[in-house]
Amino acid sequence: MDEKLLWLHKLVPGHRKLEAKEAKSALGELNVRAEQLPRILLSDPAIQAMDEEIQGGDVIEVSRSGGRAGINLAYRLVVAE
């Protein structure tokens, strides 16, 4: 399967790797530590389809858009297993 096609599906939210400064700032605003975030596996198809080098311990920003709610941001911690 062509990994670029994954992002074209309307049910797949946007994923973006946060740089260390961005992650610290975003998590600081939420008053949480990276270890408290929900996990996403390194083997997840969305992580595999990303153009960036992703490693365990990285923080991913998931942006979902809804009709009335607008854009909803969620954060996930990448883990090997």
C-alpha atoms as a PDB file:
ATOM      1  CA  MET A   1       0.000   0.000   0.000  1.00  0.00           C
ATOM      2  CA  ASP A   2       1.261   3.458  -0.854  1.00  0.00           C
ATOM      3  CA  GLU A   3       1.849   5.208   2.482  1.00  0.00           C
ATOM      4  CA  LYS A   4       0.938   8.605   1.008  1.00  0.00           C
ATOM      5  CA  LEU A   5      -2.626   7.369   0.388  1.00  0.00           C
ATOM      6  CA  LEU A   6      -3.133   6.903   4.130  1.00  0.00           C
ATOM      7  CA  TRP A   7      -3.179  10.691   4.696  1.00  0.00           C
ATOM      8  CA  LEU A   8      -5.796  11.216   1.995  1.00  0.00           C
ATOM      9  CA  HIS A   9      -8.474   9.298   3.887  1.00  0.00           C
ATOM     10  CA  LYS A  10     -10.902  11.583   5.718  1.00  0.00           C
ATOM     11  CA  LEU A  11     -10.929   9.445   8.869  1.00  0.00           C
ATOM     12  CA  VAL A  12      -7.140   9.646   9.393  1.00  0.00           C
ATOM     13  CA  PRO A  13      -6.269  12.695  11.508  1.00  0.00           C
ATOM     14  CA  GLY A  14      -3.107  14.681  10.893  1.00  0.00           C
ATOM     15  CA  HIS A  15      -0.020  13.565  12.819  1.00  0.00           C
ATOM     16  CA  ARG A  16       3.007  15.760  13.475  1.00  0.00           C
ATOM     17  CA  LYS A  17       6.175  15.118  15.459  1.00  0.00           C
ATOM     18  CA  LEU A  18       6.842  17.859  17.994  1.00  0.00           C
ATOM     19  CA  GLU A  19      10.349  19.142  18.523  1.00  0.00           C
ATOM     20  CA  ALA A  20      11.607  18.956  22.115  1.00  0.00           C
ATOM     21  CA  LYS A  21      10.885  22.662  22.782  1.00  0.00           C
ATOM     22  CA  GLU A  22       7.394  22.412  21.286  1.00  0.00           C
ATOM     23  CA  ALA A  23       6.596  19.285  23.316  1.00  0.00           C
ATOM     24  CA  LYS A  24       7.822  20.885  26.550  1.00  0.00           C
ATOM     25  CA  SER A  25       5.728  23.993  25.896  1.00  0.00           C
ATOM     26  CA  ALA A  26       2.553  22.118  24.891  1.00  0.00           C
ATOM     27  CA  LEU A  27       2.767  19.684  27.807  1.00  0.00           C
ATOM     28  CA  GLY A  28       3.593  22.506  30.211  1.00  0.00           C
ATOM     29  CA  GLU A  29       0.373  24.290  29.235  1.00  0.00           C
ATOM     30  CA  LEU A  30      -1.547  21.086  29.946  1.00  0.00           C
ATOM     31  CA  ASN A  31       0.381  20.487  33.179  1.00  0.00           C
ATOM     32  CA  VAL A  32       1.302  16.893  32.253  1.00  0.00           C
ATOM     33  CA  ARG A  33       4.541  14.971  31.757  1.00  0.00           C
ATOM     34  CA  ALA A  34       5.275  12.969  28.615  1.00  0.00           C
ATOM     35  CA  GLU A  35       5.053   9.735  30.628  1.00  0.00           C
ATOM     36  CA  GLN A  36       1.406  10.541  31.429  1.00  0.00           C
ATOM     37  CA  LEU A  37       0.360  10.748  27.771  1.00  0.00           C
ATOM     38  CA  PRO A  38      -1.516   7.965  25.995  1.00  0.00           C
ATOM     39  CA  ARG A  39       0.855   5.753  24.002  1.00  0.00           C
ATOM     40  CA  ILE A  40       1.130   5.178  20.280  1.00  0.00           C
ATOM     41  CA  LEU A  41       3.187   2.275  18.970  1.00  0.00           C
ATOM     42  CA  LEU A  42       6.168   2.817  16.720  1.00  0.00           C
ATOM     43  CA  SER A  43       4.589   0.145  14.491  1.00  0.00           C
ATOM     44  CA  ASP A  44       1.334   2.145  14.112  1.00  0.00           C
ATOM     45  CA  PRO A  45       0.549   2.678  10.396  1.00  0.00           C
ATOM     46  CA  ALA A  46       0.222   6.438  10.870  1.00  0.00           C
ATOM     47  CA  ILE A  47       3.671   6.622  12.479  1.00  0.00           C
ATOM     48  CA  GLN A  48       5.138   4.438   9.745  1.00  0.00           C
ATOM     49  CA  ALA A  49       3.665   6.717   7.052  1.00  0.00           C
ATOM     50  CA  MET A  50       5.210   9.887   8.482  1.00  0.00           C
ATOM     51  CA  ASP A  51       8.056  11.420   6.502  1.00  0.00           C
ATOM     52  CA  GLU A  52      10.079  12.171   9.635  1.00  0.00           C
ATOM     53  CA  GLU A  53      12.413   9.955  11.647  1.00  0.00           C
ATOM     54  CA  ILE A  54      10.343   8.827  14.629  1.00  0.00           C
ATOM     55  CA  GLN A  55      11.836   7.172  17.718  1.00  0.00           C
ATOM     56  CA  GLY A  56      10.544   5.944  21.034  1.00  0.00           C
ATOM     57  CA  GLY A  57      10.037   8.844  23.441  1.00  0.00           C
ATOM     58  CA  ASP A  58       8.953  11.326  20.750  1.00  0.00           C
ATOM     59  CA  VAL A  59       5.737  13.266  21.261  1.00  0.00           C
ATOM     60  CA  ILE A  60       3.211  13.267  18.412  1.00  0.00           C
ATOM     61  CA  GLU A  61       0.501  15.902  17.973  1.00  0.00           C
ATOM     62  CA  VAL A  62      -2.701  14.500  16.485  1.00  0.00           C
ATOM     63  CA  SER A  63      -5.064  17.112  15.026  1.00  0.00           C
ATOM     64  CA  ARG A  64      -8.663  16.100  14.457  1.00  0.00           C
ATOM     65  CA  SER A  65     -11.167  18.434  12.861  1.00  0.00           C
ATOM     66  CA  GLY A  66     -14.830  18.239  13.712  1.00  0.00           C
ATOM     67  CA  GLY A  67     -17.875  20.034  12.388  1.00  0.00           C
ATOM     68  CA  ARG A  68     -18.820  22.199  15.344  1.00  0.00           C
ATOM     69  CA  ALA A  69     -15.845  21.693  17.630  1.00  0.00           C
ATOM     70  CA  GLY A  70     -13.224  22.913  15.165  1.00  0.00           C
ATOM     71  CA  ILE A  71      -9.737  21.500  15.534  1.00  0.00           C
ATOM     72  CA  ASN A  72      -8.993  19.257  18.513  1.00  0.00           C
ATOM     73  CA  LEU A  73      -5.354  18.587  19.422  1.00  0.00           C
ATOM     74  CA  ALA A  74      -4.276  15.423  21.207  1.00  0.00           C
ATOM     75  CA  TYR A  75      -0.791  14.287  22.170  1.00  0.00           C
ATOM     76  CA  ARG A  76       0.703  10.792  22.157  1.00  0.00           C
ATOM     77  CA  LEU A  77       3.993   9.356  23.373  1.00  0.00           C
ATOM     78  CA  VAL A  78       5.724   7.016  20.919  1.00  0.00           C
ATOM     79  CA  VAL A  79       6.725   3.661  22.421  1.00  0.00           C
ATOM     80  CA  ALA A  80       8.381   0.599  20.907  1.00  0.00           C
ATOM     81  CA  GLU A  81       5.925  -1.825  22.568  1.00  0.00           C
END
